[in-house]
Amino acid sequence: MVEISLHILDVVQNSIKAEARDIEIYVEENIKENYLKVSVKDNGCGMDEEFLKKVTDPFVTKRTTRKVGLGLSLLKANAEITGGSMEITSKLNEGTFVCATFGYDSIDRQPLGDMAFTMVTLISCNPDIDFVYKHIIDGKTFEFSTKVVKETLGDVFIGEQNVLNWINECIVEGLNEIRR
């Protein structure tokens, strides 16, 4: 994967396959402390302890269409190459938490990527799932919730193109604001 946002997209796809209805995406950029942390928390079906021990092995997957699952193993490798780490916790029938920390100024750290586009892609393809996206840059916070947007929209479908355009603009503006 060439961007961290694509790792996030991959982990969220795992959450969706695990039948999660609520997914929280958290990004923290702490330049002073020299780390970038990304995490995904879901309320999906979770994993048993035996599978959890093997989940970062690229040749372990629950997919039936292929025999490899590179997503989590690549995320772990990309975090570790920057001096960071990855942790996964999961409880069967409760959900999963994936957290990767990267060395912020590492030459090997991939760029974060376009988080607004990533979120709009997730929302447009999964309008029935509730997403919370929280991004912190050096203590300044931006938070976006599809549940709040859906309540505000009433009968208007969140997947309509005009709404998705607004969501993209909202996220871009929010991120620009906390970067200042």
N, C-alpha and C. Protein backbone atom coordinates (compact mmCIF):
# COMPACT_ATOMS: atom_id res chain seq x y z
N MET A 1 0.84 -1.17 0.00
CA MET A 1 0.00 0.00 0.00
C MET A 1 0.90 1.24 0.00
N VAL A 2 0.53 2.22 -0.78
CA VAL A 2 1.37 3.40 -0.93
C VAL A 2 1.01 4.52 0.04
N GLU A 3 -0.15 4.43 0.68
CA GLU A 3 -0.59 5.45 1.64
C GLU A 3 -1.22 4.77 2.85
N ILE A 4 -1.10 5.41 3.99
CA ILE A 4 -1.69 4.88 5.21
C ILE A 4 -3.21 4.85 5.11
N SER A 5 -3.79 5.81 4.40
CA SER A 5 -5.26 5.82 4.24
C SER A 5 -5.76 4.54 3.55
N LEU A 6 -4.93 3.96 2.70
CA LEU A 6 -5.32 2.69 2.06
C LEU A 6 -5.28 1.53 3.05
N HIS A 7 -4.34 1.59 4.00
CA HIS A 7 -4.35 0.60 5.09
C HIS A 7 -5.64 0.73 5.90
N ILE A 8 -6.02 1.99 6.19
CA ILE A 8 -7.25 2.22 6.95
C ILE A 8 -8.44 1.65 6.19
N LEU A 9 -8.50 1.91 4.90
CA LEU A 9 -9.58 1.39 4.06
C LEU A 9 -9.63 -0.13 4.13
N ASP A 10 -8.47 -0.78 4.09
CA ASP A 10 -8.40 -2.23 4.16
C ASP A 10 -8.90 -2.76 5.51
N VAL A 11 -8.46 -2.13 6.59
CA VAL A 11 -8.89 -2.57 7.93
C VAL A 11 -10.40 -2.37 8.08
N VAL A 12 -10.92 -1.25 7.59
CA VAL A 12 -12.36 -1.01 7.68
C VAL A 12 -13.13 -2.04 6.84
N GLN A 13 -12.58 -2.43 5.70
CA GLN A 13 -13.24 -3.48 4.91
C GLN A 13 -13.32 -4.78 5.71
N ASN A 14 -12.28 -5.08 6.50
CA ASN A 14 -12.34 -6.25 7.39
C ASN A 14 -13.48 -6.09 8.40
N SER A 15 -13.62 -4.88 8.94
CA SER A 15 -14.70 -4.61 9.91
C SER A 15 -16.06 -4.82 9.26
N ILE A 16 -16.20 -4.36 8.05
CA ILE A 16 -17.48 -4.50 7.34
C ILE A 16 -17.79 -5.98 7.08
N LYS A 17 -16.76 -6.74 6.69
CA LYS A 17 -16.96 -8.18 6.48
C LYS A 17 -17.30 -8.89 7.79
N ALA A 18 -16.87 -8.30 8.91
CA ALA A 18 -17.18 -8.86 10.22
C ALA A 18 -18.53 -8.36 10.74
N GLU A 19 -19.32 -7.76 9.83
CA GLU A 19 -20.68 -7.31 10.10
C GLU A 19 -20.77 -6.19 11.13
N ALA A 20 -19.75 -5.34 11.20
CA ALA A 20 -19.80 -4.19 12.10
C ALA A 20 -20.85 -3.19 11.61
N ARG A 21 -21.53 -2.57 12.54
CA ARG A 21 -22.52 -1.53 12.22
C ARG A 21 -22.02 -0.16 12.66
N ASP A 22 -21.06 -0.15 13.60
CA ASP A 22 -20.45 1.09 14.09
C ASP A 22 -18.94 0.94 13.97
N ILE A 23 -18.32 1.90 13.28
CA ILE A 23 -16.87 1.84 13.06
C ILE A 23 -16.28 3.21 13.38
N GLU A 24 -15.27 3.21 14.25
CA GLU A 24 -14.58 4.44 14.64
C GLU A 24 -13.18 4.43 14.04
N ILE A 25 -12.85 5.51 13.36
CA ILE A 25 -11.53 5.67 12.74
C ILE A 25 -10.86 6.85 13.42
N TYR A 26 -9.67 6.61 13.94
CA TYR A 26 -8.97 7.60 14.74
C TYR A 26 -7.57 7.81 14.16
N VAL A 27 -7.21 9.07 13.93
CA VAL A 27 -5.88 9.41 13.43
C VAL A 27 -5.32 10.48 14.35
N GLU A 28 -4.12 10.25 14.84
CA GLU A 28 -3.45 11.27 15.66
C GLU A 28 -2.06 11.52 15.11
N GLU A 29 -1.81 12.78 14.78
CA GLU A 29 -0.49 13.21 14.34
C GLU A 29 0.12 14.05 15.46
N ASN A 30 1.19 13.54 16.07
CA ASN A 30 1.86 14.27 17.14
C ASN A 30 3.29 14.51 16.70
N ILE A 31 3.51 15.66 16.10
CA ILE A 31 4.82 15.98 15.54
C ILE A 31 5.86 16.13 16.65
N LYS A 32 5.47 16.77 17.75
CA LYS A 32 6.39 17.00 18.87
C LYS A 32 6.88 15.67 19.47
N GLU A 33 5.96 14.73 19.63
CA GLU A 33 6.30 13.42 20.20
C GLU A 33 6.74 12.42 19.12
N ASN A 34 6.72 12.84 17.86
CA ASN A 34 7.21 12.06 16.73
C ASN A 34 6.45 10.75 16.48
N TYR A 35 5.12 10.84 16.46
CA TYR A 35 4.36 9.64 16.07
C TYR A 35 3.10 10.02 15.31
N LEU A 36 2.68 9.07 14.49
CA LEU A 36 1.40 9.11 13.79
C LEU A 36 0.71 7.81 14.18
N LYS A 37 -0.47 7.93 14.75
CA LYS A 37 -1.20 6.76 15.20
C LYS A 37 -2.52 6.67 14.46
N VAL A 38 -2.84 5.50 13.96
CA VAL A 38 -4.13 5.26 13.32
C VAL A 38 -4.78 4.05 13.98
N SER A 39 -6.08 4.14 14.19
CA SER A 39 -6.77 2.98 14.76
C SER A 39 -8.16 2.87 14.18
N VAL A 40 -8.65 1.65 14.18
CA VAL A 40 -10.00 1.33 13.75
C VAL A 40 -10.61 0.44 14.82
N LYS A 41 -11.77 0.86 15.31
CA LYS A 41 -12.50 0.09 16.32
C LYS A 41 -13.87 -0.23 15.75
N ASP A 42 -14.29 -1.48 15.90
CA ASP A 42 -15.60 -1.86 15.37
C ASP A 42 -16.37 -2.71 16.37
N ASN A 43 -17.65 -2.88 16.08
CA ASN A 43 -18.51 -3.74 16.89
C ASN A 43 -18.92 -4.98 16.10
N GLY A 44 -18.01 -5.47 15.27
CA GLY A 44 -18.28 -6.66 14.45
C GLY A 44 -18.21 -7.94 15.26
N CYS A 45 -18.11 -9.05 14.55
CA CYS A 45 -18.17 -10.36 15.19
C CYS A 45 -16.92 -10.71 15.99
N GLY A 46 -15.84 -9.96 15.80
CA GLY A 46 -14.63 -10.23 16.57
C GLY A 46 -13.95 -11.52 16.15
N MET A 47 -12.86 -11.83 16.85
CA MET A 47 -12.07 -13.03 16.56
C MET A 47 -11.85 -13.80 17.85
N ASP A 48 -11.77 -15.12 17.72
CA ASP A 48 -11.40 -15.90 18.90
C ASP A 48 -9.89 -15.77 19.12
N GLU A 49 -9.43 -16.15 20.31
CA GLU A 49 -8.02 -15.98 20.68
C GLU A 49 -7.07 -16.72 19.76
N GLU A 50 -7.46 -17.90 19.31
CA GLU A 50 -6.60 -18.70 18.43
C GLU A 50 -6.36 -17.98 17.10
N PHE A 51 -7.43 -17.48 16.49
CA PHE A 51 -7.28 -16.76 15.21
C PHE A 51 -6.55 -15.45 15.42
N LEU A 52 -6.82 -14.77 16.52
CA LEU A 52 -6.17 -13.49 16.82
C LEU A 52 -4.66 -13.62 16.88
N LYS A 53 -4.16 -14.73 17.41
CA LYS A 53 -2.71 -14.98 17.50
C LYS A 53 -2.06 -15.09 16.12
N LYS A 54 -2.83 -15.51 15.12
CA LYS A 54 -2.28 -15.76 13.78
C LYS A 54 -2.67 -14.71 12.75
N VAL A 55 -3.45 -13.70 13.15
CA VAL A 55 -4.09 -12.82 12.18
C VAL A 55 -3.10 -11.99 11.36
N THR A 56 -1.89 -11.74 11.85
CA THR A 56 -0.92 -10.97 11.05
C THR A 56 -0.05 -11.86 10.17
N ASP A 57 -0.26 -13.15 10.20
CA ASP A 57 0.42 -14.07 9.29
C ASP A 57 -0.22 -13.90 7.91
N PRO A 58 0.56 -13.57 6.88
CA PRO A 58 -0.03 -13.32 5.56
C PRO A 58 -0.72 -14.54 4.94
N PHE A 59 -0.45 -15.72 5.48
CA PHE A 59 -1.07 -16.92 4.91
C PHE A 59 -2.24 -17.42 5.75
N VAL A 60 -2.75 -16.53 6.62
CA VAL A 60 -3.93 -16.84 7.41
C VAL A 60 -5.02 -15.84 7.03
N THR A 61 -6.16 -16.35 6.63
CA THR A 61 -7.29 -15.49 6.27
C THR A 61 -8.58 -16.28 6.44
N LYS A 62 -9.66 -15.56 6.64
CA LYS A 62 -10.98 -16.20 6.69
C LYS A 62 -11.65 -16.18 5.32
N ARG A 63 -10.99 -15.55 4.35
CA ARG A 63 -11.54 -15.50 3.00
C ARG A 63 -11.54 -16.89 2.38
N THR A 64 -12.53 -17.11 1.56
CA THR A 64 -12.60 -18.39 0.86
C THR A 64 -12.16 -18.25 -0.60
N THR A 65 -12.02 -17.00 -1.06
CA THR A 65 -11.67 -16.77 -2.46
C THR A 65 -10.17 -16.82 -2.72
N ARG A 66 -9.37 -16.68 -1.66
CA ARG A 66 -7.91 -16.78 -1.80
C ARG A 66 -7.31 -17.22 -0.48
N LYS A 67 -6.04 -17.63 -0.54
CA LYS A 67 -5.41 -18.21 0.64
C LYS A 67 -4.45 -17.27 1.37
N VAL A 68 -4.41 -16.01 0.95
CA VAL A 68 -3.54 -15.05 1.62
C VAL A 68 -4.36 -13.85 2.08
N GLY A 69 -3.92 -13.25 3.17
CA GLY A 69 -4.52 -12.03 3.72
C GLY A 69 -3.40 -11.08 4.09
N LEU A 70 -3.01 -10.24 3.17
CA LEU A 70 -1.82 -9.42 3.36
C LEU A 70 -2.07 -8.12 4.12
N GLY A 71 -3.30 -7.68 4.25
CA GLY A 71 -3.61 -6.36 4.79
C GLY A 71 -2.98 -6.07 6.14
N LEU A 72 -3.28 -6.88 7.14
CA LEU A 72 -2.77 -6.63 8.49
C LEU A 72 -1.27 -6.87 8.59
N SER A 73 -0.76 -7.86 7.87
CA SER A 73 0.69 -8.11 7.91
C SER A 73 1.46 -6.96 7.28
N LEU A 74 0.93 -6.38 6.20
CA LEU A 74 1.59 -5.22 5.58
C LEU A 74 1.50 -3.98 6.47
N LEU A 75 0.37 -3.77 7.11
CA LEU A 75 0.22 -2.64 8.03
C LEU A 75 1.23 -2.77 9.17
N LYS A 76 1.35 -3.94 9.73
CA LYS A 76 2.31 -4.18 10.82
C LYS A 76 3.74 -3.93 10.35
N ALA A 77 4.09 -4.46 9.20
CA ALA A 77 5.45 -4.28 8.66
C ALA A 77 5.75 -2.81 8.38
N ASN A 78 4.76 -2.09 7.81
CA ASN A 78 4.97 -0.68 7.50
C ASN A 78 5.08 0.17 8.76
N ALA A 79 4.37 -0.20 9.81
CA ALA A 79 4.51 0.53 11.08
C ALA A 79 5.88 0.24 11.70
N GLU A 80 6.26 -1.02 11.72
CA GLU A 80 7.52 -1.42 12.37
C GLU A 80 8.75 -0.86 11.66
N ILE A 81 8.69 -0.74 10.34
CA ILE A 81 9.86 -0.23 9.61
C ILE A 81 10.15 1.24 9.96
N THR A 82 9.15 1.94 10.52
CA THR A 82 9.34 3.33 10.93
C THR A 82 9.71 3.45 12.40
N GLY A 83 9.88 2.31 13.07
CA GLY A 83 10.15 2.31 14.51
C GLY A 83 8.88 2.24 15.33
N GLY A 84 7.76 2.01 14.68
CA GLY A 84 6.46 1.94 15.35
C GLY A 84 6.06 0.51 15.64
N SER A 85 4.77 0.33 15.86
CA SER A 85 4.25 -0.98 16.23
C SER A 85 2.78 -1.09 15.85
N MET A 86 2.24 -2.28 16.01
CA MET A 86 0.82 -2.51 15.77
C MET A 86 0.28 -3.43 16.84
N GLU A 87 -0.92 -3.16 17.29
CA GLU A 87 -1.59 -4.04 18.24
C GLU A 87 -3.01 -4.31 17.77
N ILE A 88 -3.47 -5.50 18.07
CA ILE A 88 -4.84 -5.88 17.74
C ILE A 88 -5.43 -6.54 18.97
N THR A 89 -6.60 -6.07 19.36
CA THR A 89 -7.36 -6.75 20.41
C THR A 89 -8.73 -7.06 19.83
N SER A 90 -9.29 -8.16 20.27
CA SER A 90 -10.58 -8.57 19.75
C SER A 90 -11.27 -9.51 20.73
N LYS A 91 -12.57 -9.41 20.78
CA LYS A 91 -13.38 -10.34 21.57
C LYS A 91 -14.48 -10.86 20.67
N LEU A 92 -14.63 -12.16 20.70
CA LEU A 92 -15.66 -12.79 19.90
C LEU A 92 -17.03 -12.20 20.23
N ASN A 93 -17.79 -11.87 19.22
CA ASN A 93 -19.13 -11.29 19.32
C ASN A 93 -19.16 -9.89 19.94
N GLU A 94 -18.01 -9.24 20.07
CA GLU A 94 -17.98 -7.88 20.63
C GLU A 94 -17.30 -6.88 19.70
N GLY A 95 -16.27 -7.31 18.97
CA GLY A 95 -15.61 -6.39 18.06
C GLY A 95 -14.11 -6.47 18.11
N THR A 96 -13.48 -5.60 17.32
CA THR A 96 -12.03 -5.63 17.15
C THR A 96 -11.48 -4.21 17.19
N PHE A 97 -10.26 -4.07 17.69
CA PHE A 97 -9.54 -2.80 17.74
C PHE A 97 -8.17 -3.03 17.13
N VAL A 98 -7.86 -2.28 16.08
CA VAL A 98 -6.56 -2.35 15.41
C VAL A 98 -5.91 -0.98 15.56
N CYS A 99 -4.67 -0.95 16.05
CA CYS A 99 -3.98 0.32 16.25
C CYS A 99 -2.54 0.19 15.75
N ALA A 100 -2.15 1.08 14.84
CA ALA A 100 -0.78 1.10 14.31
C ALA A 100 -0.17 2.46 14.61
N THR A 101 1.05 2.43 15.11
CA THR A 101 1.79 3.66 15.40
C THR A 101 3.02 3.70 14.50
N PHE A 102 3.23 4.85 13.87
CA PHE A 102 4.35 5.05 12.95
C PHE A 102 5.27 6.13 13.51
N GLY A 103 6.56 6.01 13.24
CA GLY A 103 7.47 7.11 13.52
C GLY A 103 7.14 8.24 12.57
N TYR A 104 6.79 9.41 13.10
CA TYR A 104 6.28 10.49 12.26
C TYR A 104 7.31 10.96 11.25
N ASP A 105 8.55 11.16 11.70
CA ASP A 105 9.54 11.73 10.79
C ASP A 105 10.40 10.68 10.10
N SER A 106 10.01 9.42 10.19
CA SER A 106 10.76 8.35 9.53
C SER A 106 10.69 8.51 8.02
N ILE A 107 11.83 8.37 7.38
CA ILE A 107 11.87 8.43 5.92
C ILE A 107 11.07 7.29 5.29
N ASP A 108 10.87 6.22 6.05
CA ASP A 108 10.13 5.06 5.56
C ASP A 108 8.63 5.15 5.77
N ARG A 109 8.17 6.20 6.49
CA ARG A 109 6.72 6.31 6.72
C ARG A 109 6.04 6.75 5.44
N GLN A 110 4.99 6.04 5.10
CA GLN A 110 4.18 6.39 3.95
C GLN A 110 3.41 7.68 4.25
N PRO A 111 3.02 8.43 3.24
CA PRO A 111 2.16 9.58 3.50
C PRO A 111 0.79 9.10 4.00
N LEU A 112 0.12 9.94 4.77
CA LEU A 112 -1.20 9.57 5.28
C LEU A 112 -2.18 9.36 4.14
N GLY A 113 -2.16 10.22 3.15
CA GLY A 113 -3.10 10.09 2.03
C GLY A 113 -4.31 10.97 2.23
N ASP A 114 -5.28 10.82 1.37
CA ASP A 114 -6.47 11.66 1.32
C ASP A 114 -7.57 11.07 2.20
N MET A 115 -7.63 11.51 3.45
CA MET A 115 -8.61 10.96 4.37
C MET A 115 -10.05 11.38 4.01
N ALA A 116 -10.22 12.56 3.44
CA ALA A 116 -11.57 12.96 3.03
C ALA A 116 -12.10 12.01 1.96
N PHE A 117 -11.28 11.71 0.97
CA PHE A 117 -11.68 10.78 -0.09
C PHE A 117 -11.93 9.37 0.48
N THR A 118 -11.06 8.96 1.40
CA THR A 118 -11.23 7.64 2.03
C THR A 118 -12.56 7.56 2.76
N MET A 119 -12.90 8.59 3.52
CA MET A 119 -14.16 8.58 4.26
C MET A 119 -15.36 8.62 3.33
N VAL A 120 -15.30 9.45 2.30
CA VAL A 120 -16.41 9.53 1.35
C VAL A 120 -16.60 8.19 0.63
N THR A 121 -15.50 7.54 0.30
CA THR A 121 -15.59 6.21 -0.33
C THR A 121 -16.28 5.22 0.60
N LEU A 122 -15.86 5.20 1.86
CA LEU A 122 -16.48 4.28 2.83
C LEU A 122 -17.96 4.57 3.01
N ILE A 123 -18.32 5.84 3.14
CA ILE A 123 -19.71 6.22 3.36
C ILE A 123 -20.57 5.92 2.14
N SER A 124 -20.06 6.23 0.95
CA SER A 124 -20.86 6.00 -0.26
C SER A 124 -21.10 4.52 -0.52
N CYS A 125 -20.14 3.68 -0.18
CA CYS A 125 -20.29 2.24 -0.40
C CYS A 125 -21.01 1.53 0.74
N ASN A 126 -21.11 2.20 1.90
CA ASN A 126 -21.70 1.58 3.09
C ASN A 126 -22.59 2.58 3.83
N PRO A 127 -23.64 3.07 3.18
CA PRO A 127 -24.45 4.14 3.80
C PRO A 127 -25.19 3.71 5.07
N ASP A 128 -25.36 2.42 5.29
CA ASP A 128 -26.09 1.95 6.48
C ASP A 128 -25.19 1.80 7.70
N ILE A 129 -23.89 1.91 7.52
CA ILE A 129 -22.95 1.79 8.64
C ILE A 129 -22.71 3.17 9.22
N ASP A 130 -22.61 3.25 10.53
CA ASP A 130 -22.30 4.52 11.19
C ASP A 130 -20.80 4.61 11.40
N PHE A 131 -20.21 5.68 10.87
CA PHE A 131 -18.78 5.94 10.99
C PHE A 131 -18.55 7.16 11.87
N VAL A 132 -17.53 7.07 12.70
CA VAL A 132 -17.01 8.22 13.40
C VAL A 132 -15.55 8.35 12.98
N TYR A 133 -15.19 9.54 12.54
CA TYR A 133 -13.81 9.82 12.14
C TYR A 133 -13.30 10.95 13.01
N LYS A 134 -12.26 10.67 13.77
CA LYS A 134 -11.65 11.66 14.65
C LYS A 134 -10.19 11.82 14.26
N HIS A 135 -9.77 13.07 14.08
CA HIS A 135 -8.39 13.35 13.65
C HIS A 135 -7.84 14.42 14.58
N ILE A 136 -6.68 14.15 15.16
CA ILE A 136 -6.02 15.10 16.05
C ILE A 136 -4.65 15.42 15.48
N ILE A 137 -4.34 16.71 15.41
CA ILE A 137 -3.01 17.15 15.00
C ILE A 137 -2.48 18.07 16.10
N ASP A 138 -1.45 17.61 16.78
CA ASP A 138 -0.83 18.38 17.86
C ASP A 138 -1.85 18.99 18.81
N GLY A 139 -2.81 18.17 19.21
CA GLY A 139 -3.79 18.59 20.21
C GLY A 139 -5.04 19.24 19.65
N LYS A 140 -5.08 19.61 18.39
CA LYS A 140 -6.27 20.20 17.77
C LYS A 140 -7.09 19.07 17.17
N THR A 141 -8.40 19.07 17.42
CA THR A 141 -9.26 17.94 17.06
C THR A 141 -10.33 18.31 16.05
N PHE A 142 -10.52 17.40 15.08
CA PHE A 142 -11.65 17.45 14.16
C PHE A 142 -12.38 16.12 14.30
N GLU A 143 -13.70 16.17 14.39
CA GLU A 143 -14.49 14.94 14.49
C GLU A 143 -15.69 15.01 13.56
N PHE A 144 -15.96 13.88 12.92
CA PHE A 144 -17.06 13.77 11.97
C PHE A 144 -17.83 12.49 12.27
N SER A 145 -19.15 12.57 12.28
CA SER A 145 -19.99 11.40 12.57
C SER A 145 -21.12 11.30 11.56
N THR A 146 -21.23 10.14 10.92
CA THR A 146 -22.34 9.95 9.98
C THR A 146 -23.68 9.89 10.71
N LYS A 147 -23.67 9.44 11.95
CA LYS A 147 -24.92 9.38 12.71
C LYS A 147 -25.51 10.79 12.87
N VAL A 148 -24.64 11.75 13.18
CA VAL A 148 -25.08 13.14 13.31
C VAL A 148 -25.58 13.67 11.97
N VAL A 149 -24.86 13.37 10.90
CA VAL A 149 -25.27 13.82 9.56
C VAL A 149 -26.62 13.22 9.20
N LYS A 150 -26.80 11.92 9.44
CA LYS A 150 -28.07 11.26 9.11
C LYS A 150 -29.23 11.87 9.89
N GLU A 151 -29.01 12.17 11.17
CA GLU A 151 -30.07 12.80 11.98
C GLU A 151 -30.41 14.18 11.43
N THR A 152 -29.41 14.92 10.99
CA THR A 152 -29.61 16.25 10.43
C THR A 152 -30.33 16.18 9.09
N LEU A 153 -29.98 15.20 8.28
CA LEU A 153 -30.57 15.07 6.94
C LEU A 153 -32.02 14.63 6.96
N GLY A 154 -32.42 13.92 7.99
CA GLY A 154 -33.79 13.40 8.03
C GLY A 154 -34.01 12.37 6.95
N ASP A 155 -34.89 12.67 6.00
CA ASP A 155 -35.24 11.73 4.93
C ASP A 155 -34.29 11.77 3.74
N VAL A 156 -33.31 12.65 3.75
CA VAL A 156 -32.37 12.75 2.64
C VAL A 156 -31.32 11.65 2.79
N PHE A 157 -31.10 10.91 1.73
CA PHE A 157 -30.16 9.78 1.73
C PHE A 157 -28.72 10.27 1.80
N ILE A 158 -27.94 9.74 2.74
CA ILE A 158 -26.55 10.17 2.92
C ILE A 158 -25.68 9.84 1.70
N GLY A 159 -26.10 8.88 0.90
CA GLY A 159 -25.33 8.49 -0.27
C GLY A 159 -25.57 9.33 -1.51
N GLU A 160 -26.45 10.34 -1.44
CA GLU A 160 -26.67 11.22 -2.59
C GLU A 160 -25.39 11.98 -2.90
N GLN A 161 -25.14 12.22 -4.18
CA GLN A 161 -23.89 12.85 -4.60
C GLN A 161 -23.69 14.22 -3.97
N ASN A 162 -24.74 15.03 -3.88
CA ASN A 162 -24.60 16.35 -3.27
C ASN A 162 -24.20 16.25 -1.80
N VAL A 163 -24.75 15.27 -1.11
CA VAL A 163 -24.40 15.06 0.30
C VAL A 163 -22.96 14.58 0.42
N LEU A 164 -22.56 13.66 -0.43
CA LEU A 164 -21.18 13.17 -0.41
C LEU A 164 -20.19 14.29 -0.72
N ASN A 165 -20.55 15.16 -1.66
CA ASN A 165 -19.69 16.33 -1.96
C ASN A 165 -19.56 17.22 -0.73
N TRP A 166 -20.69 17.44 -0.04
CA TRP A 166 -20.66 18.25 1.17
C TRP A 166 -19.79 17.59 2.25
N ILE A 167 -19.91 16.28 2.41
CA ILE A 167 -19.11 15.56 3.40
C ILE A 167 -17.62 15.72 3.08
N ASN A 168 -17.26 15.57 1.82
CA ASN A 168 -15.86 15.74 1.41
C ASN A 168 -15.37 17.14 1.78
N GLU A 169 -16.16 18.16 1.43
CA GLU A 169 -15.78 19.54 1.76
C GLU A 169 -15.67 19.76 3.25
N CYS A 170 -16.60 19.20 4.00
CA CYS A 170 -16.60 19.33 5.46
C CYS A 170 -15.32 18.76 6.05
N ILE A 171 -14.94 17.57 5.61
CA ILE A 171 -13.74 16.92 6.14
C ILE A 171 -12.49 17.69 5.71
N VAL A 172 -12.40 18.09 4.45
CA VAL A 172 -11.24 18.85 3.98
C VAL A 172 -11.10 20.14 4.79
N GLU A 173 -12.20 20.87 4.98
CA GLU A 173 -12.15 22.12 5.75
C GLU A 173 -11.77 21.86 7.20
N GLY A 174 -12.34 20.82 7.79
CA GLY A 174 -12.03 20.49 9.18
C GLY A 174 -10.55 20.15 9.37
N LEU A 175 -10.00 19.37 8.44
CA LEU A 175 -8.58 19.02 8.53
C LEU A 175 -7.70 20.22 8.30
N ASN A 176 -8.08 21.08 7.35
CA ASN A 176 -7.30 22.31 7.12
C ASN A 176 -7.30 23.19 8.36
N GLU A 177 -8.43 23.24 9.03
CA GLU A 177 -8.54 24.07 10.24
C GLU A 177 -7.60 23.59 11.34
N ILE A 178 -7.50 22.29 11.56
CA ILE A 178 -6.62 21.81 12.63
C ILE A 178 -5.15 21.79 12.22
N ARG A 179 -4.87 21.92 10.94
CA ARG A 179 -3.47 22.00 10.48
C ARG A 179 -2.90 23.39 10.67
N ARG A 180 -3.78 24.40 10.81
CA ARG A 180 -3.31 25.78 10.96
C ARG A 180 -2.62 26.00 12.27
